[in-house]
Amino acid sequence: MTVATLTCIMVTLCVLFYVFYLPGRMHLGPDKTRLAYLQERKEAIYENLRDLNFELQAGKIPDTDYVSLKSSLEEEAAGVLAEMARLERTPANPLPGKGARV
């Protein structure tokens, strides 16, 4: 065998080892909850609203587009906030109390 063939075999083995063995041992971080996802979405919507206001003041978009985009973002924000409030009211893992019957 030539040196090039041996090198290709070693590289292939290393890649296969990395792809199939190492990612299983890597720590991927905590799982996201629905509430954490909604919090990130709320922040993104608020940032979009700030950008939209800036673009209106800079004269980049017409007033008619601003009104429609702003109302769309506000409706989305209201939906996200309502779902966040609903999730915060209900316990994530309800545990049966002393008087609960299973």
PDB file of N, CA and C in Angstrom:
ATOM      1  N   MET A   1       0.835  -1.180   0.000  1.00  0.00           N
ATOM      2  CA  MET A   1       0.000   0.000   0.000  1.00  0.00           C
ATOM      3  C   MET A   1       0.877   1.239   0.000  1.00  0.00           C
ATOM      4  N   THR A   2       0.319   2.251  -0.604  1.00  0.00           N
ATOM      5  CA  THR A   2       1.080   3.497  -0.658  1.00  0.00           C
ATOM      6  C   THR A   2       0.758   4.353   0.563  1.00  0.00           C
ATOM      7  N   VAL A   3       1.569   5.353   0.742  1.00  0.00           N
ATOM      8  CA  VAL A   3       1.382   6.268   1.868  1.00  0.00           C
ATOM      9  C   VAL A   3       0.076   7.033   1.711  1.00  0.00           C
ATOM     10  N   ALA A   4      -0.283   7.400   0.485  1.00  0.00           N
ATOM     11  CA  ALA A   4      -1.526   8.133   0.244  1.00  0.00           C
ATOM     12  C   ALA A   4      -2.741   7.294   0.604  1.00  0.00           C
ATOM     13  N   THR A   5      -2.718   6.021   0.286  1.00  0.00           N
ATOM     14  CA  THR A   5      -3.827   5.125   0.612  1.00  0.00           C
ATOM     15  C   THR A   5      -3.956   4.979   2.119  1.00  0.00           C
ATOM     16  N   LEU A   6      -2.858   4.781   2.808  1.00  0.00           N
ATOM     17  CA  LEU A   6      -2.889   4.676   4.270  1.00  0.00           C
ATOM     18  C   LEU A   6      -3.397   5.970   4.912  1.00  0.00           C
ATOM     19  N   THR A   7      -2.993   7.093   4.373  1.00  0.00           N
ATOM     20  CA  THR A   7      -3.447   8.380   4.898  1.00  0.00           C
ATOM     21  C   THR A   7      -4.954   8.532   4.711  1.00  0.00           C
ATOM     22  N   CYS A   8      -5.460   8.165   3.539  1.00  0.00           N
ATOM     23  CA  CYS A   8      -6.905   8.244   3.283  1.00  0.00           C
ATOM     24  C   CYS A   8      -7.680   7.329   4.222  1.00  0.00           C
ATOM     25  N   ILE A   9      -7.163   6.137   4.468  1.00  0.00           N
ATOM     26  CA  ILE A   9      -7.828   5.208   5.373  1.00  0.00           C
ATOM     27  C   ILE A   9      -7.842   5.769   6.793  1.00  0.00           C
ATOM     28  N   MET A  10      -6.748   6.335   7.237  1.00  0.00           N
ATOM     29  CA  MET A  10      -6.684   6.916   8.593  1.00  0.00           C
ATOM     30  C   MET A  10      -7.640   8.099   8.738  1.00  0.00           C
ATOM     31  N   VAL A  11      -7.671   8.957   7.735  1.00  0.00           N
ATOM     32  CA  VAL A  11      -8.575  10.112   7.789  1.00  0.00           C
ATOM     33  C   VAL A  11     -10.024   9.632   7.824  1.00  0.00           C
ATOM     34  N   THR A  12     -10.360   8.653   7.006  1.00  0.00           N
ATOM     35  CA  THR A  12     -11.716   8.107   6.979  1.00  0.00           C
ATOM     36  C   THR A  12     -12.084   7.507   8.325  1.00  0.00           C
ATOM     37  N   LEU A  13     -11.195   6.747   8.924  1.00  0.00           N
ATOM     38  CA  LEU A  13     -11.464   6.163  10.235  1.00  0.00           C
ATOM     39  C   LEU A  13     -11.650   7.237  11.309  1.00  0.00           C
ATOM     40  N   CYS A  14     -10.825   8.265  11.252  1.00  0.00           N
ATOM     41  CA  CYS A  14     -10.957   9.362  12.225  1.00  0.00           C
ATOM     42  C   CYS A  14     -12.292  10.080  12.068  1.00  0.00           C
ATOM     43  N   VAL A  15     -12.701  10.331  10.844  1.00  0.00           N
ATOM     44  CA  VAL A  15     -13.975  11.004  10.602  1.00  0.00           C
ATOM     45  C   VAL A  15     -15.133  10.138  11.077  1.00  0.00           C
ATOM     46  N   LEU A  16     -15.103   8.860  10.760  1.00  0.00           N
ATOM     47  CA  LEU A  16     -16.157   7.961  11.211  1.00  0.00           C
ATOM     48  C   LEU A  16     -16.204   7.873  12.733  1.00  0.00           C
ATOM     49  N   PHE A  17     -15.061   7.841  13.374  1.00  0.00           N
ATOM     50  CA  PHE A  17     -14.999   7.833  14.839  1.00  0.00           C
ATOM     51  C   PHE A  17     -15.636   9.095  15.403  1.00  0.00           C
ATOM     52  N   TYR A  18     -15.298  10.226  14.834  1.00  0.00           N
ATOM     53  CA  TYR A  18     -15.839  11.497  15.325  1.00  0.00           C
ATOM     54  C   TYR A  18     -17.346  11.571  15.099  1.00  0.00           C
ATOM     55  N   VAL A  19     -17.795  11.190  13.928  1.00  0.00           N
ATOM     56  CA  VAL A  19     -19.209  11.311  13.593  1.00  0.00           C
ATOM     57  C   VAL A  19     -20.074  10.377  14.426  1.00  0.00           C
ATOM     58  N   PHE A  20     -19.650   9.154  14.604  1.00  0.00           N
ATOM     59  CA  PHE A  20     -20.523   8.173  15.247  1.00  0.00           C
ATOM     60  C   PHE A  20     -20.228   7.931  16.724  1.00  0.00           C
ATOM     61  N   TYR A  21     -19.089   8.323  17.221  1.00  0.00           N
ATOM     62  CA  TYR A  21     -18.768   8.008  18.610  1.00  0.00           C
ATOM     63  C   TYR A  21     -18.752   9.250  19.506  1.00  0.00           C
ATOM     64  N   LEU A  22     -18.035  10.282  19.129  1.00  0.00           N
ATOM     65  CA  LEU A  22     -17.875  11.432  20.007  1.00  0.00           C
ATOM     66  C   LEU A  22     -19.153  12.233  20.261  1.00  0.00           C
ATOM     67  N   PRO A  23     -20.011  12.495  19.286  1.00  0.00           N
ATOM     68  CA  PRO A  23     -21.199  13.304  19.598  1.00  0.00           C
ATOM     69  C   PRO A  23     -22.087  12.683  20.666  1.00  0.00           C
ATOM     70  N   GLY A  24     -22.094  11.380  20.804  1.00  0.00           N
ATOM     71  CA  GLY A  24     -22.881  10.745  21.851  1.00  0.00           C
ATOM     72  C   GLY A  24     -22.353  11.053  23.235  1.00  0.00           C
ATOM     73  N   ARG A  25     -21.113  11.411  23.346  1.00  0.00           N
ATOM     74  CA  ARG A  25     -20.506  11.700  24.639  1.00  0.00           C
ATOM     75  C   ARG A  25     -20.472  13.192  24.937  1.00  0.00           C
ATOM     76  N   MET A  26     -20.857  14.019  23.976  1.00  0.00           N
ATOM     77  CA  MET A  26     -20.815  15.466  24.168  1.00  0.00           C
ATOM     78  C   MET A  26     -22.026  15.926  24.973  1.00  0.00           C
ATOM     79  N   HIS A  27     -21.842  16.956  25.768  1.00  0.00           N
ATOM     80  CA  HIS A  27     -22.931  17.537  26.536  1.00  0.00           C
ATOM     81  C   HIS A  27     -23.597  18.606  25.681  1.00  0.00           C
ATOM     82  N   LEU A  28     -24.879  18.442  25.415  1.00  0.00           N
ATOM     83  CA  LEU A  28     -25.585  19.358  24.525  1.00  0.00           C
ATOM     84  C   LEU A  28     -26.303  20.472  25.274  1.00  0.00           C
ATOM     85  N   GLY A  29     -26.267  20.481  26.570  1.00  0.00           N
ATOM     86  CA  GLY A  29     -26.927  21.522  27.343  1.00  0.00           C
ATOM     87  C   GLY A  29     -28.321  21.094  27.753  1.00  0.00           C
ATOM     88  N   PRO A  30     -28.957  21.925  28.559  1.00  0.00           N
ATOM     89  CA  PRO A  30     -30.289  21.561  29.043  1.00  0.00           C
ATOM     90  C   PRO A  30     -31.334  21.672  27.927  1.00  0.00           C
ATOM     91  N   ASP A  31     -32.371  20.866  28.065  1.00  0.00           N
ATOM     92  CA  ASP A  31     -33.474  20.942  27.119  1.00  0.00           C
ATOM     93  C   ASP A  31     -34.241  22.236  27.347  1.00  0.00           C
ATOM     94  N   LYS A  32     -34.723  22.818  26.251  1.00  0.00           N
ATOM     95  CA  LYS A  32     -35.504  24.043  26.372  1.00  0.00           C
ATOM     96  C   LYS A  32     -36.943  23.709  26.714  1.00  0.00           C
ATOM     97  N   THR A  33     -37.501  24.531  27.554  1.00  0.00           N
ATOM     98  CA  THR A  33     -38.916  24.400  27.860  1.00  0.00           C
ATOM     99  C   THR A  33     -39.702  25.300  26.913  1.00  0.00           C
ATOM    100  N   ARG A  34     -40.987  25.085  26.880  1.00  0.00           N
ATOM    101  CA  ARG A  34     -41.846  25.920  26.032  1.00  0.00           C
ATOM    102  C   ARG A  34     -41.794  27.369  26.506  1.00  0.00           C
ATOM    103  N   LEU A  35     -41.722  27.568  27.807  1.00  0.00           N
ATOM    104  CA  LEU A  35     -41.676  28.918  28.360  1.00  0.00           C
ATOM    105  C   LEU A  35     -40.386  29.631  27.953  1.00  0.00           C
ATOM    106  N   ALA A  36     -39.266  28.925  27.952  1.00  0.00           N
ATOM    107  CA  ALA A  36     -37.999  29.529  27.531  1.00  0.00           C
ATOM    108  C   ALA A  36     -38.046  29.888  26.050  1.00  0.00           C
ATOM    109  N   TYR A  37     -38.643  29.015  25.234  1.00  0.00           N
ATOM    110  CA  TYR A  37     -38.798  29.318  23.808  1.00  0.00           C
ATOM    111  C   TYR A  37     -39.652  30.562  23.613  1.00  0.00           C
ATOM    112  N   LEU A  38     -40.759  30.662  24.359  1.00  0.00           N
ATOM    113  CA  LEU A  38     -41.641  31.822  24.226  1.00  0.00           C
ATOM    114  C   LEU A  38     -40.944  33.104  24.677  1.00  0.00           C
ATOM    115  N   GLN A  39     -40.114  33.012  25.708  1.00  0.00           N
ATOM    116  CA  GLN A  39     -39.358  34.183  26.166  1.00  0.00           C
ATOM    117  C   GLN A  39     -38.416  34.669  25.069  1.00  0.00           C
ATOM    118  N   GLU A  40     -37.726  33.751  24.412  1.00  0.00           N
ATOM    119  CA  GLU A  40     -36.839  34.134  23.309  1.00  0.00           C
ATOM    120  C   GLU A  40     -37.636  34.735  22.159  1.00  0.00           C
ATOM    121  N   ARG A  41     -38.801  34.162  21.885  1.00  0.00           N
ATOM    122  CA  ARG A  41     -39.639  34.673  20.800  1.00  0.00           C
ATOM    123  C   ARG A  41     -40.131  36.079  21.117  1.00  0.00           C
ATOM    124  N   LYS A  42     -40.508  36.309  22.384  1.00  0.00           N
ATOM    125  CA  LYS A  42     -40.966  37.638  22.801  1.00  0.00           C
ATOM    126  C   LYS A  42     -39.859  38.668  22.607  1.00  0.00           C
ATOM    127  N   GLU A  43     -38.650  38.321  23.002  1.00  0.00           N
ATOM    128  CA  GLU A  43     -37.527  39.244  22.839  1.00  0.00           C
ATOM    129  C   GLU A  43     -37.265  39.540  21.363  1.00  0.00           C
ATOM    130  N   ALA A  44     -37.410  38.530  20.511  1.00  0.00           N
ATOM    131  CA  ALA A  44     -37.209  38.746  19.076  1.00  0.00           C
ATOM    132  C   ALA A  44     -38.287  39.666  18.506  1.00  0.00           C
ATOM    133  N   ILE A  45     -39.513  39.491  18.950  1.00  0.00           N
ATOM    134  CA  ILE A  45     -40.602  40.353  18.467  1.00  0.00           C
ATOM    135  C   ILE A  45     -40.368  41.787  18.911  1.00  0.00           C
ATOM    136  N   TYR A  46     -39.973  41.984  20.168  1.00  0.00           N
ATOM    137  CA  TYR A  46     -39.712  43.341  20.650  1.00  0.00           C
ATOM    138  C   TYR A  46     -38.562  43.985  19.879  1.00  0.00           C
ATOM    139  N   GLU A  47     -37.545  43.209  19.570  1.00  0.00           N
ATOM    140  CA  GLU A  47     -36.430  43.744  18.784  1.00  0.00           C
ATOM    141  C   GLU A  47     -36.907  44.133  17.379  1.00  0.00           C
ATOM    142  N   ASN A  48     -37.772  43.309  16.794  1.00  0.00           N
ATOM    143  CA  ASN A  48     -38.322  43.646  15.484  1.00  0.00           C
ATOM    144  C   ASN A  48     -39.150  44.918  15.528  1.00  0.00           C
ATOM    145  N   LEU A  49     -39.892  45.112  16.621  1.00  0.00           N
ATOM    146  CA  LEU A  49     -40.663  46.350  16.764  1.00  0.00           C
ATOM    147  C   LEU A  49     -39.750  47.563  16.875  1.00  0.00           C
ATOM    148  N   ARG A  50     -38.660  47.428  17.626  1.00  0.00           N
ATOM    149  CA  ARG A  50     -37.699  48.542  17.731  1.00  0.00           C
ATOM    150  C   ARG A  50     -37.080  48.845  16.369  1.00  0.00           C
ATOM    151  N   ASP A  51     -36.718  47.805  15.635  1.00  0.00           N
ATOM    152  CA  ASP A  51     -36.151  48.003  14.297  1.00  0.00           C
ATOM    153  C   ASP A  51     -37.158  48.662  13.367  1.00  0.00           C
ATOM    154  N   LEU A  52     -38.410  48.253  13.476  1.00  0.00           N
ATOM    155  CA  LEU A  52     -39.455  48.824  12.631  1.00  0.00           C
ATOM    156  C   LEU A  52     -39.635  50.310  12.924  1.00  0.00           C
ATOM    157  N   ASN A  53     -39.623  50.677  14.210  1.00  0.00           N
ATOM    158  CA  ASN A  53     -39.724  52.105  14.569  1.00  0.00           C
ATOM    159  C   ASN A  53     -38.535  52.887  14.037  1.00  0.00           C
ATOM    160  N   PHE A  54     -37.354  52.302  14.128  1.00  0.00           N
ATOM    161  CA  PHE A  54     -36.163  52.969  13.617  1.00  0.00           C
ATOM    162  C   PHE A  54     -36.254  53.177  12.113  1.00  0.00           C
ATOM    163  N   GLU A  55     -36.709  52.156  11.394  1.00  0.00           N
ATOM    164  CA  GLU A  55     -36.819  52.272   9.950  1.00  0.00           C
ATOM    165  C   GLU A  55     -37.858  53.307   9.540  1.00  0.00           C
ATOM    166  N   LEU A  56     -38.926  53.438  10.318  1.00  0.00           N
ATOM    167  CA  LEU A  56     -39.917  54.476  10.029  1.00  0.00           C
ATOM    168  C   LEU A  56     -39.308  55.852  10.227  1.00  0.00           C
ATOM    169  N   GLN A  57     -38.592  56.049  11.326  1.00  0.00           N
ATOM    170  CA  GLN A  57     -37.978  57.346  11.592  1.00  0.00           C
ATOM    171  C   GLN A  57     -36.890  57.679  10.591  1.00  0.00           C
ATOM    172  N   ALA A  58     -36.229  56.652  10.059  1.00  0.00           N
ATOM    173  CA  ALA A  58     -35.189  56.878   9.062  1.00  0.00           C
ATOM    174  C   ALA A  58     -35.781  57.097   7.670  1.00  0.00           C
ATOM    175  N   GLY A  59     -37.080  56.871   7.526  1.00  0.00           N
ATOM    176  CA  GLY A  59     -37.729  57.078   6.248  1.00  0.00           C
ATOM    177  C   GLY A  59     -37.539  55.930   5.270  1.00  0.00           C
ATOM    178  N   LYS A  60     -37.216  54.768   5.764  1.00  0.00           N
ATOM    179  CA  LYS A  60     -36.967  53.628   4.884  1.00  0.00           C
ATOM    180  C   LYS A  60     -38.245  52.913   4.459  1.00  0.00           C
ATOM    181  N   ILE A  61     -39.317  53.030   5.255  1.00  0.00           N
ATOM    182  CA  ILE A  61     -40.567  52.370   4.900  1.00  0.00           C
ATOM    183  C   ILE A  61     -41.707  53.383   4.942  1.00  0.00           C
ATOM    184  N   PRO A  62     -42.718  53.202   4.094  1.00  0.00           N
ATOM    185  CA  PRO A  62     -43.863  54.115   4.111  1.00  0.00           C
ATOM    186  C   PRO A  62     -44.765  53.860   5.321  1.00  0.00           C
ATOM    187  N   ASP A  63     -45.595  54.857   5.646  1.00  0.00           N
ATOM    188  CA  ASP A  63     -46.462  54.763   6.816  1.00  0.00           C
ATOM    189  C   ASP A  63     -47.448  53.604   6.720  1.00  0.00           C
ATOM    190  N   THR A  64     -47.960  53.332   5.520  1.00  0.00           N
ATOM    191  CA  THR A  64     -48.942  52.252   5.379  1.00  0.00           C
ATOM    192  C   THR A  64     -48.315  50.892   5.697  1.00  0.00           C
ATOM    193  N   ASP A  65     -47.097  50.680   5.233  1.00  0.00           N
ATOM    194  CA  ASP A  65     -46.407  49.434   5.550  1.00  0.00           C
ATOM    195  C   ASP A  65     -46.099  49.350   7.037  1.00  0.00           C
ATOM    196  N   TYR A  66     -45.726  50.478   7.623  1.00  0.00           N
ATOM    197  CA  TYR A  66     -45.407  50.507   9.050  1.00  0.00           C
ATOM    198  C   TYR A  66     -46.610  50.078   9.880  1.00  0.00           C
ATOM    199  N   VAL A  67     -47.760  50.621   9.547  1.00  0.00           N
ATOM    200  CA  VAL A  67     -48.963  50.311  10.323  1.00  0.00           C
ATOM    201  C   VAL A  67     -49.298  48.826  10.229  1.00  0.00           C
ATOM    202  N   SER A  68     -49.234  48.263   9.029  1.00  0.00           N
ATOM    203  CA  SER A  68     -49.582  46.844   8.882  1.00  0.00           C
ATOM    204  C   SER A  68     -48.551  45.946   9.565  1.00  0.00           C
ATOM    205  N   LEU A  69     -47.270  46.256   9.416  1.00  0.00           N
ATOM    206  CA  LEU A  69     -46.232  45.444  10.056  1.00  0.00           C
ATOM    207  C   LEU A  69     -46.294  45.549  11.575  1.00  0.00           C
ATOM    208  N   LYS A  70     -46.538  46.748  12.062  1.00  0.00           N
ATOM    209  CA  LYS A  70     -46.614  46.949  13.511  1.00  0.00           C
ATOM    210  C   LYS A  70     -47.798  46.191  14.104  1.00  0.00           C
ATOM    211  N   SER A  71     -48.953  46.250  13.447  1.00  0.00           N
ATOM    212  CA  SER A  71     -50.114  45.537  13.978  1.00  0.00           C
ATOM    213  C   SER A  71     -49.879  44.024  13.947  1.00  0.00           C
ATOM    214  N   SER A  72     -49.220  43.537  12.910  1.00  0.00           N
ATOM    215  CA  SER A  72     -48.910  42.114  12.829  1.00  0.00           C
ATOM    216  C   SER A  72     -47.981  41.685  13.963  1.00  0.00           C
ATOM    217  N   LEU A  73     -46.943  42.469  14.211  1.00  0.00           N
ATOM    218  CA  LEU A  73     -46.009  42.141  15.296  1.00  0.00           C
ATOM    219  C   LEU A  73     -46.680  42.251  16.662  1.00  0.00           C
ATOM    220  N   GLU A  74     -47.552  43.243  16.836  1.00  0.00           N
ATOM    221  CA  GLU A  74     -48.238  43.395  18.113  1.00  0.00           C
ATOM    222  C   GLU A  74     -49.195  42.238  18.363  1.00  0.00           C
ATOM    223  N   GLU A  75     -49.877  41.762  17.314  1.00  0.00           N
ATOM    224  CA  GLU A  75     -50.755  40.600  17.472  1.00  0.00           C
ATOM    225  C   GLU A  75     -49.956  39.362  17.858  1.00  0.00           C
ATOM    226  N   GLU A  76     -48.806  39.184  17.219  1.00  0.00           N
ATOM    227  CA  GLU A  76     -47.958  38.042  17.551  1.00  0.00           C
ATOM    228  C   GLU A  76     -47.447  38.146  18.985  1.00  0.00           C
ATOM    229  N   ALA A  77     -47.058  39.343  19.397  1.00  0.00           N
ATOM    230  CA  ALA A  77     -46.581  39.549  20.766  1.00  0.00           C
ATOM    231  C   ALA A  77     -47.688  39.262  21.771  1.00  0.00           C
ATOM    232  N   ALA A  78     -48.909  39.686  21.458  1.00  0.00           N
ATOM    233  CA  ALA A  78     -50.034  39.439  22.364  1.00  0.00           C
ATOM    234  C   ALA A  78     -50.282  37.938  22.513  1.00  0.00           C
ATOM    235  N   GLY A  79     -50.186  37.209  21.424  1.00  0.00           N
ATOM    236  CA  GLY A  79     -50.365  35.759  21.491  1.00  0.00           C
ATOM    237  C   GLY A  79     -49.285  35.092  22.320  1.00  0.00           C
ATOM    238  N   VAL A  80     -48.047  35.527  22.136  1.00  0.00           N
ATOM    239  CA  VAL A  80     -46.935  34.957  22.895  1.00  0.00           C
ATOM    240  C   VAL A  80     -47.091  35.273  24.381  1.00  0.00           C
ATOM    241  N   LEU A  81     -47.436  36.520  24.700  1.00  0.00           N
ATOM    242  CA  LEU A  81     -47.608  36.901  26.103  1.00  0.00           C
ATOM    243  C   LEU A  81     -48.768  36.153  26.751  1.00  0.00           C
ATOM    244  N   ALA A  82     -49.852  35.943  25.997  1.00  0.00           N
ATOM    245  CA  ALA A  82     -50.993  35.199  26.547  1.00  0.00           C
ATOM    246  C   ALA A  82     -50.605  33.753  26.839  1.00  0.00           C
ATOM    247  N   GLU A  83     -49.869  33.140  25.933  1.00  0.00           N
ATOM    248  CA  GLU A  83     -49.445  31.757  26.166  1.00  0.00           C
ATOM    249  C   GLU A  83     -48.457  31.669  27.324  1.00  0.00           C
ATOM    250  N   MET A  84     -47.566  32.664  27.441  1.00  0.00           N
ATOM    251  CA  MET A  84     -46.634  32.676  28.573  1.00  0.00           C
ATOM    252  C   MET A  84     -47.394  32.790  29.889  1.00  0.00           C
ATOM    253  N   ALA A  85     -48.394  33.662  29.928  1.00  0.00           N
ATOM    254  CA  ALA A  85     -49.185  33.831  31.152  1.00  0.00           C
ATOM    255  C   ALA A  85     -49.921  32.538  31.494  1.00  0.00           C
ATOM    256  N   ARG A  86     -50.448  31.856  30.475  1.00  0.00           N
ATOM    257  CA  ARG A  86     -51.155  30.593  30.715  1.00  0.00           C
ATOM    258  C   ARG A  86     -50.204  29.536  31.267  1.00  0.00           C
ATOM    259  N   LEU A  87     -48.990  29.465  30.710  1.00  0.00           N
ATOM    260  CA  LEU A  87     -48.017  28.483  31.185  1.00  0.00           C
ATOM    261  C   LEU A  87     -47.523  28.795  32.588  1.00  0.00           C
ATOM    262  N   GLU A  88     -47.418  30.075  32.923  1.00  0.00           N
ATOM    263  CA  GLU A  88     -46.952  30.445  34.265  1.00  0.00           C
ATOM    264  C   GLU A  88     -48.018  30.196  35.315  1.00  0.00           C
ATOM    265  N   ARG A  89     -49.295  30.241  34.905  1.00  0.00           N
ATOM    266  CA  ARG A  89     -50.381  29.974  35.858  1.00  0.00           C
ATOM    267  C   ARG A  89     -50.499  28.502  36.185  1.00  0.00           C
ATOM    268  N   THR A  90     -50.283  27.647  35.192  1.00  0.00           N
ATOM    269  CA  THR A  90     -50.432  26.212  35.417  1.00  0.00           C
ATOM    270  C   THR A  90     -49.094  25.632  35.834  1.00  0.00           C
ATOM    271  N   PRO A  91     -49.084  24.765  36.852  1.00  0.00           N
ATOM    272  CA  PRO A  91     -47.809  24.168  37.275  1.00  0.00           C
ATOM    273  C   PRO A  91     -47.278  23.223  36.201  1.00  0.00           C
ATOM    274  N   ALA A  92     -45.964  23.208  36.066  1.00  0.00           N
ATOM    275  CA  ALA A  92     -45.326  22.383  35.041  1.00  0.00           C
ATOM    276  C   ALA A  92     -45.454  20.898  35.362  1.00  0.00           C
ATOM    277  N   ASN A  93     -45.195  20.550  36.605  1.00  0.00           N
ATOM    278  CA  ASN A  93     -45.272  19.152  37.039  1.00  0.00           C
ATOM    279  C   ASN A  93     -46.166  19.073  38.272  1.00  0.00           C
ATOM    280  N   PRO A  94     -47.470  18.990  38.071  1.00  0.00           N
ATOM    281  CA  PRO A  94     -48.337  18.939  39.254  1.00  0.00           C
ATOM    282  C   PRO A  94     -48.125  17.640  40.025  1.00  0.00           C
ATOM    283  N   LEU A  95     -47.817  17.786  41.288  1.00  0.00           N
ATOM    284  CA  LEU A  95     -47.621  16.632  42.152  1.00  0.00           C
ATOM    285  C   LEU A  95     -48.882  16.440  42.976  1.00  0.00           C
ATOM    286  N   PRO A  96     -49.319  15.211  43.156  1.00  0.00           N
ATOM    287  CA  PRO A  96     -50.502  14.993  43.958  1.00  0.00           C
ATOM    288  C   PRO A  96     -50.232  15.385  45.422  1.00  0.00           C
ATOM    289  N   GLY A  97     -51.150  16.122  45.989  1.00  0.00           N
ATOM    290  CA  GLY A  97     -51.019  16.550  47.376  1.00  0.00           C
ATOM    291  C   GLY A  97     -51.493  15.466  48.334  1.00  0.00           C
ATOM    292  N   LYS A  98     -51.610  15.827  49.605  1.00  0.00           N
ATOM    293  CA  LYS A  98     -52.010  14.852  50.615  1.00  0.00           C
ATOM    294  C   LYS A  98     -53.440  14.367  50.377  1.00  0.00           C
ATOM    295  N   GLY A  99     -54.296  15.276  49.945  1.00  0.00           N
ATOM    296  CA  GLY A  99     -55.695  14.901  49.782  1.00  0.00           C
ATOM    297  C   GLY A  99     -56.016  14.386  48.394  1.00  0.00           C
ATOM    298  N   ALA A 100     -55.063  14.316  47.533  1.00  0.00           N
ATOM    299  CA  ALA A 100     -55.316  13.879  46.159  1.00  0.00           C
ATOM    300  C   ALA A 100     -55.490  12.374  46.096  1.00  0.00           C
ATOM    301  N   ARG A 101     -56.404  11.975  45.226  1.00  0.00           N
ATOM    302  CA  ARG A 101     -56.640  10.538  45.040  1.00  0.00           C
ATOM    303  C   ARG A 101     -56.088  10.149  43.684  1.00  0.00           C
ATOM    304  N   VAL A 102     -55.383   9.058  43.687  1.00  0.00           N
ATOM    305  CA  VAL A 102     -54.774   8.591  42.446  1.00  0.00           C
ATOM    306  C   VAL A 102     -55.515   7.394  41.930  1.00  0.00           C
TER     307      VAL A 102
END
